[in-house]
Amino acid sequence: MSSDLKASPQGPSSFRLPKVPFWAQILLGLVLGVVLGWIARSGDVGWLVTTLDKIGSIFVQLLKLAVAPLVFFAILISITNLRNVNNAARLATRTLLWFMATSLIAVAIGLAIGLITNPGAGTDLSPKDGAKPDHAGSWLDFLTGIVPTDVITPFTELNVLQIVFIAAVAGVAALQLGEKAQPILTLSQSVLELLQKALWWVIRLAPLGTLGLIGTAIADYGWNLIGKYATFTADIYIGCALVMFGVYPLLLATVAKINPLNFFKGAWPAIQLAFVSRSSVGTMPLTQKVTERLGVPKEYASFAVPFGSTTKMDGCASIYPAIAAIFIAQIFDVHLGVGDYLLIAFVSVIGSAATAGLTGATVMLTLTLSTLGLPLEGVGLLMAIDPVLDMMRTATNVAGQSVCTLVVAAREGILDRDAYNNVKGVDVKDADIEPQPVAAAA
C-alpha cells in the first residue's frame, strides 16, 4: 500500500511553467517592438508611440542611474585589489598595451571596409540633411576635462572620465593609507555589491527595454531609414563581426593558446546583454563574472574589467568612427588622404576613453571629425540610425574587454586553464552576477 502511495501521480501543485531562455525573451521583445513600432507608424497611433518611447527611455534611465556610483566604487575597489596581485604594475601596463593594440587592429579593419564599400555613395543623403550635435568633443576638452573642478559635478552631469579620475585618486590614497583606509574599503565593497544587485534587477527588464527602444526607432523613422543607410549599417555589423569572430579568436588561439570556442561559451551572456543594453558600464558586473568564470583571477579581473568598461571600445571608438568618417566625407564631398586615415587611427587608439562606456558614441565621433576638419553636421546624419548600430558596437566592446583580460592573464601565467577548458555556458538570467567579496590585503 505504501509503495502505491509513493508511486501515485503528482498533484496540480507540482506544475511548473517552462523556463524561457533570456535570449528568447530578448528575441520576443525585439519582434514585438518591430510589430508595435510598425503599427504605431502606419496607423499614426500617437499613444502607442508615446508608450514605446517611455518604456525605452525609462530602461535607459535606470541603467544610467547606477553608472556614476558603479564606476566610482568599481574603480576604487579594483585599484586597491591590485595589492593582492604580484607584479601589479606590469599587469596594468600589459593590459593597457593590449587594449591599444587591439584598438589599432579594429580601426584598420574599419578603414579597410569603408574604403572598399564607399558607404556614403548612392544614399540620396546630402549635407543639408545633417545637423550639428548639441555637444561636440575636442582634444582640449578631452585633455583638460579629465580633472574636475569639484567632486559633485562629475556625478550630477555623468562625466564618467572625471569619475574615473576621482576614483583612481581615492584608490591610490587608500593604498597609501593602508589599515587606516580599511573601514572605507569595507563600506565601498558593500556599496558596490548593493549597486550590482540593483543593476541586476534592471538587467532582467532588458526584454521590455528592447521592445521600447526598437519600437520607438521603427515608429519614428520607419523602414526607409534602413534603405538609406543599408551599406553603412552592413559595414558596421560586418566590421564588428570580423573583429569579434575573427580577430579575437585568432588572438586567443595564437597568443593566449586557448580554445576560442570556450571563450564564447563562457562570455556569451555578457556579449548578449551588451547587445541589448547598449552599455559597457551597465554590463560590467556580468562581464567581470564571466571573465572570472573563464579562469581569470578575481583580483586581476576586478581591475581589468572596470578599466576596460570605461576605456576599451573597439566597436564604438575604432570601427564606428573609422567607417563613419569615410561615410560623412563622401556625403560632404571631402577627400581624405593617407594622413587623414592615420589621424583616424591615432584618435581611435588614444581617445577611446571619451566614449565613457555609455550608450552611443557621439563624443568619439565628433572628436574624430573635428580632428580631421570634417563638418560636424555629419553627426546629425547618423543619429537616427545610431540605436541599431550601437547594439553591435557595444557587444564588440564587451567581447574585447574580456579577450584582452584573458590574453594578459594567459601570457602572465595566472590564468586557470582548467577552469577555462571546463567552462559551461549559462543563460543571462542564470548567470548569478552577485559579487563575491575579495578580501582586502592588510
Protein backbone atom coordinates (compact mmCIF):
# COMPACT_ATOMS: atom_id res chain seq x y z
CA MET A 1 0.00 0.00 0.00
CA SER A 2 2.76 2.40 0.90
CA SER A 3 4.54 1.72 -2.38
CA ASP A 4 1.35 2.54 -4.28
CA LEU A 5 1.09 5.81 -2.45
CA LYS A 6 4.66 6.71 -3.34
CA ALA A 7 4.08 5.91 -6.98
CA SER A 8 0.90 7.97 -7.23
CA PRO A 9 0.97 10.80 -9.76
CA GLN A 10 1.95 14.24 -8.55
CA GLY A 11 -0.82 16.74 -7.90
CA PRO A 12 -1.51 20.01 -9.67
CA SER A 13 0.77 21.82 -7.22
CA SER A 14 3.79 20.29 -8.96
CA PHE A 15 3.07 22.13 -12.21
CA ARG A 16 5.85 24.47 -13.26
CA LEU A 17 5.87 26.96 -16.08
CA PRO A 18 8.65 26.20 -18.56
CA LYS A 19 11.71 28.43 -18.27
CA VAL A 20 12.10 30.80 -21.18
CA PRO A 21 15.78 31.43 -22.06
CA PHE A 22 16.82 35.04 -21.80
CA TRP A 23 17.83 35.15 -25.46
CA ALA A 24 14.31 34.03 -26.37
CA GLN A 25 12.85 36.78 -24.17
CA ILE A 26 15.06 39.31 -25.94
CA LEU A 27 14.07 37.98 -29.36
CA LEU A 28 10.41 38.17 -28.40
CA GLY A 29 10.87 41.76 -27.23
CA LEU A 30 12.65 42.59 -30.49
CA VAL A 31 9.89 41.09 -32.66
CA LEU A 32 7.11 42.72 -30.64
CA GLY A 33 8.96 46.04 -30.77
CA VAL A 34 9.17 45.89 -34.57
CA VAL A 35 5.49 44.94 -34.88
CA LEU A 36 4.24 47.57 -32.45
CA GLY A 37 6.52 50.22 -33.97
CA TRP A 38 5.17 49.43 -37.43
CA ILE A 39 1.58 49.60 -36.15
CA ALA A 40 2.27 52.91 -34.42
CA ARG A 41 3.81 54.42 -37.54
CA SER A 42 1.44 53.07 -40.20
CA GLY A 43 -1.67 53.74 -38.13
CA ASP A 44 -0.41 57.01 -36.68
CA VAL A 45 -1.22 55.77 -33.16
CA GLY A 46 0.11 58.56 -31.00
CA TRP A 47 -0.44 56.92 -27.63
CA LEU A 48 1.45 53.81 -28.74
CA VAL A 49 4.41 55.88 -29.93
CA THR A 50 4.48 57.64 -26.55
CA THR A 51 4.23 54.37 -24.65
CA LEU A 52 7.08 52.74 -26.58
CA ASP A 53 9.23 55.83 -26.10
CA LYS A 54 8.58 55.88 -22.35
CA ILE A 55 9.36 52.18 -21.94
CA GLY A 56 12.67 52.51 -23.80
CA SER A 57 13.72 55.76 -22.14
CA ILE A 58 12.92 54.52 -18.64
CA PHE A 59 15.03 51.41 -19.22
CA VAL A 60 17.99 53.53 -20.35
CA GLN A 61 17.48 55.92 -17.42
CA LEU A 62 17.54 53.02 -14.96
CA LEU A 63 20.82 51.83 -16.45
CA LYS A 64 22.33 55.30 -16.27
CA LEU A 65 21.10 55.74 -12.71
CA ALA A 66 23.69 53.25 -11.47
CA VAL A 67 26.53 54.35 -13.76
CA ALA A 68 28.15 57.10 -11.68
CA PRO A 69 28.35 55.28 -8.32
CA LEU A 70 29.06 51.94 -10.02
CA VAL A 71 32.07 53.32 -11.90
CA PHE A 72 33.40 55.12 -8.82
CA PHE A 73 33.26 52.18 -6.44
CA ALA A 74 34.32 49.62 -9.07
CA ILE A 75 37.45 51.60 -9.98
CA LEU A 76 38.22 52.36 -6.32
CA ILE A 77 37.95 48.69 -5.29
CA SER A 78 39.79 47.46 -8.39
CA ILE A 79 42.82 49.65 -7.69
CA THR A 80 43.04 48.59 -4.04
CA ASN A 81 42.64 44.94 -5.04
CA LEU A 82 45.83 45.19 -7.08
CA ARG A 83 47.67 44.86 -3.77
CA ASN A 84 46.73 41.20 -3.85
CA VAL A 85 48.33 40.65 -7.27
CA ASN A 86 52.01 40.03 -7.92
CA ASN A 87 53.58 42.39 -10.49
CA ALA A 88 50.52 44.66 -10.41
CA ALA A 89 52.25 47.48 -12.31
CA ARG A 90 53.34 45.05 -15.01
CA LEU A 91 49.81 43.66 -15.34
CA ALA A 92 48.31 47.15 -15.60
CA THR A 93 50.82 48.15 -18.26
CA ARG A 94 50.32 44.98 -20.30
CA THR A 95 46.54 45.42 -20.09
CA LEU A 96 46.74 48.95 -21.45
CA LEU A 97 49.09 47.90 -24.25
CA TRP A 98 46.78 45.11 -25.36
CA PHE A 99 43.82 47.48 -25.25
CA MET A 100 45.69 49.81 -27.60
CA ALA A 101 46.95 47.05 -29.89
CA THR A 102 43.52 45.53 -30.48
CA SER A 103 42.03 49.00 -31.00
CA LEU A 104 44.59 49.60 -33.75
CA ILE A 105 43.63 46.33 -35.44
CA ALA A 106 39.92 47.19 -35.18
CA VAL A 107 40.33 50.67 -36.67
CA ALA A 108 42.39 49.22 -39.54
CA ILE A 109 39.56 46.81 -40.32
CA GLY A 110 37.03 49.66 -40.17
CA LEU A 111 39.07 51.78 -42.57
CA ALA A 112 39.51 48.88 -44.99
CA ILE A 113 35.78 48.14 -45.07
CA GLY A 114 34.91 51.81 -45.55
CA LEU A 115 37.34 52.24 -48.43
CA ILE A 116 36.14 49.08 -50.16
CA THR A 117 32.39 49.67 -49.87
CA ASN A 118 32.08 53.50 -50.15
CA PRO A 119 29.15 53.65 -47.67
CA GLY A 120 28.27 57.28 -48.50
CA ALA A 121 27.69 56.63 -52.19
CA GLY A 122 24.14 56.30 -53.53
CA THR A 123 22.38 57.13 -50.25
CA ASP A 124 20.36 60.12 -51.54
CA LEU A 125 21.62 61.97 -48.45
CA SER A 126 23.09 65.46 -48.75
CA PRO A 127 24.82 67.93 -46.40
CA LYS A 128 21.51 69.69 -45.73
CA ASP A 129 20.22 66.50 -44.10
CA GLY A 130 22.81 66.87 -41.33
CA ALA A 131 22.78 68.97 -38.19
CA LYS A 132 25.41 69.90 -35.62
CA PRO A 133 25.23 68.00 -32.33
CA ASP A 134 24.44 69.86 -29.12
CA HIS A 135 27.80 68.87 -27.67
CA ALA A 136 30.99 68.17 -29.60
CA GLY A 137 34.19 66.58 -28.38
CA SER A 138 37.56 68.27 -28.79
CA TRP A 139 41.11 67.42 -27.77
CA LEU A 140 41.22 70.43 -25.47
CA ASP A 141 38.06 69.34 -23.71
CA PHE A 142 39.32 65.76 -23.57
CA LEU A 143 42.69 66.65 -22.04
CA THR A 144 41.54 69.40 -19.69
CA GLY A 145 38.25 67.71 -18.86
CA ILE A 146 39.90 64.78 -17.12
CA VAL A 147 40.42 66.79 -13.94
CA PRO A 148 37.10 68.00 -12.44
CA THR A 149 36.62 71.42 -10.88
CA ASP A 150 34.74 69.85 -7.95
CA VAL A 151 33.73 66.41 -6.72
CA ILE A 152 29.97 66.84 -7.21
CA THR A 153 29.54 67.95 -10.82
CA PRO A 154 31.02 64.79 -12.45
CA PHE A 155 28.32 62.73 -10.72
CA THR A 156 25.43 65.10 -11.50
CA GLU A 157 26.49 65.55 -15.15
CA LEU A 158 27.58 61.91 -15.54
CA ASN A 159 31.10 62.73 -16.71
CA VAL A 160 32.49 59.21 -16.49
CA LEU A 161 36.07 60.19 -17.33
CA GLN A 162 36.18 62.59 -14.39
CA ILE A 163 34.54 60.00 -12.13
CA VAL A 164 37.29 57.55 -13.09
CA PHE A 165 39.90 60.20 -12.21
CA ILE A 166 38.36 60.82 -8.77
CA ALA A 167 38.08 57.08 -8.10
CA ALA A 168 41.69 56.50 -9.18
CA VAL A 169 42.95 59.23 -6.85
CA ALA A 170 40.88 57.82 -3.99
CA GLY A 171 42.16 54.30 -4.70
CA VAL A 172 45.81 55.34 -4.70
CA ALA A 173 45.25 57.33 -1.50
CA ALA A 174 43.67 54.28 0.13
CA LEU A 175 46.69 52.19 -0.84
CA GLN A 176 48.97 54.74 0.80
CA LEU A 177 46.89 54.88 4.00
CA GLY A 178 46.88 51.12 4.45
CA GLU A 179 44.97 49.92 7.53
CA LYS A 180 43.52 53.36 8.20
CA ALA A 181 41.53 53.14 4.97
CA GLN A 182 40.17 49.65 5.66
CA PRO A 183 36.77 50.81 7.04
CA ILE A 184 36.19 52.90 3.89
CA LEU A 185 37.18 49.99 1.65
CA THR A 186 34.84 47.62 3.50
CA LEU A 187 31.98 50.08 3.10
CA SER A 188 32.87 50.62 -0.58
CA GLN A 189 32.81 46.86 -1.22
CA SER A 190 29.36 46.61 0.39
CA VAL A 191 28.03 49.54 -1.63
CA LEU A 192 29.42 48.02 -4.84
CA GLU A 193 27.64 44.73 -4.11
CA LEU A 194 24.42 46.62 -3.41
CA LEU A 195 24.70 48.51 -6.71
CA GLN A 196 25.37 45.34 -8.65
CA LYS A 197 22.36 43.65 -7.10
CA ALA A 198 20.13 46.60 -8.01
CA LEU A 199 21.58 46.70 -11.52
CA TRP A 200 20.77 43.02 -11.95
CA TRP A 201 17.10 43.84 -11.40
CA VAL A 202 17.35 46.38 -14.21
CA ILE A 203 19.07 43.85 -16.44
CA ARG A 204 16.15 41.47 -16.05
CA LEU A 205 13.96 44.19 -17.62
CA ALA A 206 16.08 44.12 -20.80
CA PRO A 207 13.45 42.30 -22.94
CA LEU A 208 10.94 45.04 -22.10
CA GLY A 209 13.57 47.73 -22.75
CA THR A 210 14.33 46.16 -26.13
CA LEU A 211 10.66 46.29 -27.06
CA GLY A 212 10.50 50.01 -26.27
CA LEU A 213 13.79 51.01 -27.90
CA ILE A 214 13.28 49.10 -31.16
CA GLY A 215 9.61 50.03 -31.32
CA THR A 216 10.42 53.72 -30.93
CA ALA A 217 13.07 53.56 -33.66
CA ILE A 218 10.65 51.94 -36.12
CA ALA A 219 7.80 54.30 -35.19
CA ASP A 220 9.97 57.40 -35.59
CA TYR A 221 11.92 56.55 -38.73
CA GLY A 222 10.29 53.60 -40.48
CA TRP A 223 11.90 51.22 -42.96
CA ASN A 224 13.02 53.95 -45.36
CA LEU A 225 15.74 54.78 -42.88
CA ILE A 226 17.30 51.34 -43.23
CA GLY A 227 17.34 51.68 -47.02
CA LYS A 228 19.31 54.93 -46.96
CA TYR A 229 21.86 53.56 -44.51
CA ALA A 230 21.94 49.96 -45.74
CA THR A 231 25.61 49.91 -46.76
CA PHE A 232 26.74 51.87 -43.72
CA THR A 233 24.79 49.63 -41.33
CA ALA A 234 26.11 46.49 -43.02
CA ASP A 235 29.67 47.87 -42.82
CA ILE A 236 29.41 48.40 -39.05
CA TYR A 237 27.97 44.94 -38.43
CA ILE A 238 30.45 43.23 -40.73
CA GLY A 239 33.39 45.12 -39.22
CA CYS A 240 32.33 44.28 -35.68
CA ALA A 241 31.71 40.65 -36.65
CA LEU A 242 35.16 40.36 -38.22
CA VAL A 243 36.76 41.66 -35.02
CA MET A 244 34.59 39.66 -32.64
CA PHE A 245 34.57 36.36 -34.50
CA GLY A 246 37.84 36.69 -36.41
CA VAL A 247 40.45 38.80 -34.64
CA TYR A 248 39.56 37.87 -31.07
CA PRO A 249 39.50 34.08 -31.63
CA LEU A 250 42.81 34.37 -33.51
CA LEU A 251 44.41 36.18 -30.56
CA LEU A 252 43.06 33.63 -28.11
CA ALA A 253 44.32 30.71 -30.20
CA THR A 254 47.75 32.07 -31.17
CA VAL A 255 48.71 34.44 -28.34
CA ALA A 256 46.90 33.03 -25.31
CA LYS A 257 46.96 29.46 -26.75
CA ILE A 258 43.45 28.62 -25.56
CA ASN A 259 40.36 27.33 -27.35
CA PRO A 260 38.30 30.30 -28.65
CA LEU A 261 35.08 28.27 -28.55
CA ASN A 262 35.29 28.09 -24.77
CA PHE A 263 35.53 31.87 -24.66
CA PHE A 264 32.22 32.32 -26.45
CA LYS A 265 30.64 29.59 -24.36
CA GLY A 266 31.58 31.38 -21.15
CA ALA A 267 31.35 35.04 -22.23
CA TRP A 268 28.18 34.83 -24.31
CA PRO A 269 25.82 36.03 -21.52
CA ALA A 270 27.78 39.30 -21.24
CA ILE A 271 28.00 39.76 -25.03
CA GLN A 272 24.28 39.10 -25.34
CA LEU A 273 23.40 41.58 -22.59
CA ALA A 274 25.72 44.22 -24.08
CA PHE A 275 23.89 43.89 -27.40
CA VAL A 276 20.57 44.61 -25.71
CA SER A 277 21.57 47.19 -23.10
CA ARG A 278 23.98 49.17 -25.33
CA SER A 279 26.04 49.98 -22.24
CA SER A 280 29.50 48.61 -21.42
CA VAL A 281 29.28 50.00 -17.91
CA GLY A 282 25.81 48.55 -17.40
CA THR A 283 27.13 45.15 -18.47
CA MET A 284 30.31 45.46 -16.37
CA PRO A 285 29.24 43.28 -13.40
CA LEU A 286 28.28 40.43 -15.70
CA THR A 287 31.42 40.90 -17.82
CA GLN A 288 33.55 40.58 -14.70
CA LYS A 289 31.63 37.50 -13.56
CA VAL A 290 32.03 35.62 -16.85
CA THR A 291 35.70 36.63 -17.08
CA GLU A 292 36.32 35.15 -13.64
CA ARG A 293 34.38 32.02 -14.63
CA LEU A 294 36.77 31.69 -17.59
CA GLY A 295 39.70 31.37 -15.17
CA VAL A 296 40.96 34.93 -14.67
CA PRO A 297 41.86 35.59 -11.00
CA LYS A 298 39.26 37.72 -9.22
CA GLU A 299 41.88 40.24 -8.08
CA TYR A 300 43.03 40.94 -11.64
CA ALA A 301 39.56 40.74 -13.23
CA SER A 302 38.24 43.29 -10.73
CA PHE A 303 40.81 45.74 -12.09
CA ALA A 304 40.93 44.93 -15.81
CA VAL A 305 37.18 44.72 -16.48
CA PRO A 306 36.13 48.05 -14.87
CA PHE A 307 39.16 49.68 -16.50
CA GLY A 308 38.15 48.23 -19.86
CA SER A 309 34.49 49.15 -19.43
CA THR A 310 35.45 52.83 -19.42
CA THR A 311 38.35 52.83 -21.90
CA LYS A 312 38.26 49.72 -24.16
CA MET A 313 35.82 50.39 -27.02
CA ASP A 314 36.75 48.57 -30.24
CA GLY A 315 33.21 48.91 -31.60
CA CYS A 316 32.37 52.48 -30.57
CA ALA A 317 35.83 54.06 -30.70
CA SER A 318 37.57 52.20 -33.53
CA ILE A 319 35.34 50.53 -36.12
CA TYR A 320 32.48 53.02 -35.94
CA PRO A 321 34.36 56.36 -36.21
CA ALA A 322 36.58 54.98 -38.99
CA ILE A 323 33.65 53.97 -41.21
CA ALA A 324 31.57 56.99 -40.15
CA ALA A 325 34.34 59.43 -41.09
CA ILE A 326 34.56 57.94 -44.58
CA PHE A 327 30.76 57.98 -44.87
CA ILE A 328 30.49 61.64 -43.85
CA ALA A 329 33.43 62.68 -46.04
CA GLN A 330 31.70 61.14 -49.07
CA ILE A 331 28.38 62.85 -48.28
CA PHE A 332 30.10 66.24 -47.95
CA ASP A 333 32.42 65.55 -50.91
CA VAL A 334 35.62 65.89 -48.87
CA HIS A 335 38.71 64.00 -49.98
CA LEU A 336 40.56 62.04 -47.31
CA GLY A 337 44.22 61.20 -47.77
CA VAL A 338 46.65 58.80 -46.11
CA GLY A 339 47.44 61.36 -43.42
CA ASP A 340 43.74 61.58 -42.55
CA TYR A 341 43.48 57.83 -42.17
CA LEU A 342 46.49 57.84 -39.86
CA LEU A 343 44.78 60.56 -37.80
CA ILE A 344 41.67 58.40 -37.51
CA ALA A 345 43.82 55.55 -36.18
CA PHE A 346 45.54 57.89 -33.72
CA VAL A 347 42.25 59.27 -32.39
CA SER A 348 40.80 55.78 -32.05
CA VAL A 349 43.72 54.41 -30.06
CA ILE A 350 44.29 57.44 -27.82
CA GLY A 351 40.78 58.83 -27.44
CA SER A 352 38.85 55.66 -26.56
CA ALA A 353 38.16 56.87 -23.03
CA ALA A 354 36.00 59.66 -24.47
CA THR A 355 33.24 57.12 -25.15
CA ALA A 356 32.96 56.51 -21.38
CA GLY A 357 31.15 53.20 -21.68
CA LEU A 358 27.71 54.76 -22.09
CA THR A 359 25.17 54.21 -24.82
CA GLY A 360 26.13 55.97 -28.02
CA ALA A 361 29.47 57.12 -29.41
CA THR A 362 28.70 60.73 -30.37
CA VAL A 363 31.58 62.23 -28.38
CA MET A 364 34.11 59.94 -30.04
CA LEU A 365 32.67 60.66 -33.48
CA THR A 366 32.76 64.45 -33.01
CA LEU A 367 36.32 64.16 -31.69
CA THR A 368 37.31 62.29 -34.86
CA LEU A 369 35.51 64.70 -37.20
CA SER A 370 36.95 67.80 -35.53
CA THR A 371 40.46 66.33 -35.73
CA LEU A 372 40.01 65.68 -39.46
CA GLY A 373 38.33 69.04 -40.08
CA LEU A 374 35.14 67.38 -41.33
CA PRO A 375 31.78 69.16 -40.85
CA LEU A 376 30.20 68.30 -37.51
CA GLU A 377 26.82 68.48 -39.24
CA GLY A 378 27.65 64.98 -40.39
CA VAL A 379 26.86 63.69 -36.91
CA GLY A 380 23.22 64.57 -37.50
CA LEU A 381 23.15 62.20 -40.45
CA LEU A 382 23.90 59.25 -38.17
CA MET A 383 21.80 59.99 -35.09
CA ALA A 384 18.66 58.32 -36.42
CA ILE A 385 20.36 55.01 -37.19
CA ASP A 386 22.58 55.06 -34.07
CA PRO A 387 20.48 52.79 -31.79
CA VAL A 388 20.60 49.98 -34.36
CA LEU A 389 24.37 50.35 -34.73
CA ASP A 390 25.06 50.74 -31.04
CA MET A 391 23.87 47.23 -30.20
CA MET A 392 26.57 45.53 -32.28
CA ARG A 393 29.21 48.09 -31.30
CA THR A 394 28.65 47.53 -27.58
CA ALA A 395 28.69 43.75 -27.94
CA THR A 396 32.10 44.10 -29.63
CA ASN A 397 33.31 46.43 -26.85
CA VAL A 398 32.45 43.92 -24.14
CA ALA A 399 33.91 40.96 -26.02
CA GLY A 400 37.18 42.89 -26.45
CA GLN A 401 37.33 43.77 -22.76
CA SER A 402 37.15 40.09 -21.82
CA VAL A 403 39.52 38.91 -24.55
CA CYS A 404 42.31 41.33 -23.61
CA THR A 405 41.95 40.36 -19.95
CA LEU A 406 42.23 36.67 -20.89
CA VAL A 407 45.23 37.27 -23.15
CA VAL A 408 47.14 39.13 -20.44
CA ALA A 409 46.24 36.54 -17.80
CA ALA A 410 47.35 33.69 -20.07
CA ARG A 411 50.65 35.32 -21.03
CA GLU A 412 51.42 36.18 -17.39
CA GLY A 413 50.73 32.62 -16.27
CA ILE A 414 47.87 33.48 -13.90
CA LEU A 415 45.01 32.03 -15.98
CA ASP A 416 43.33 28.95 -14.52
CA ARG A 417 43.38 26.85 -17.67
CA ASP A 418 41.39 24.01 -16.11
CA ALA A 419 38.56 26.43 -15.31
CA TYR A 420 38.76 27.83 -18.85
CA ASN A 421 38.78 24.43 -20.54
CA ASN A 422 35.82 23.20 -18.48
CA VAL A 423 33.68 26.34 -18.59
CA LYS A 424 29.97 25.76 -19.06
CA GLY A 425 27.62 28.02 -20.96
CA VAL A 426 24.83 29.67 -18.97
CA ASP A 427 21.84 31.84 -19.75
CA VAL A 428 21.96 35.51 -18.75
CA LYS A 429 19.18 35.16 -16.19
CA ASP A 430 21.02 32.23 -14.56
CA ALA A 431 24.46 33.88 -14.64
CA ASP A 432 24.36 34.98 -10.97
CA ILE A 433 26.34 38.21 -11.16
CA GLU A 434 26.11 38.90 -7.45
CA PRO A 435 29.74 39.54 -6.48
CA GLN A 436 31.72 37.55 -4.00
CA PRO A 437 33.79 39.87 -1.78
CA VAL A 438 37.51 39.98 -2.41
CA ALA A 439 39.45 40.03 0.80
CA ALA A 440 41.42 43.25 1.05
CA ALA A 441 45.09 42.99 1.81
CA ALA A 442 46.31 44.30 5.12
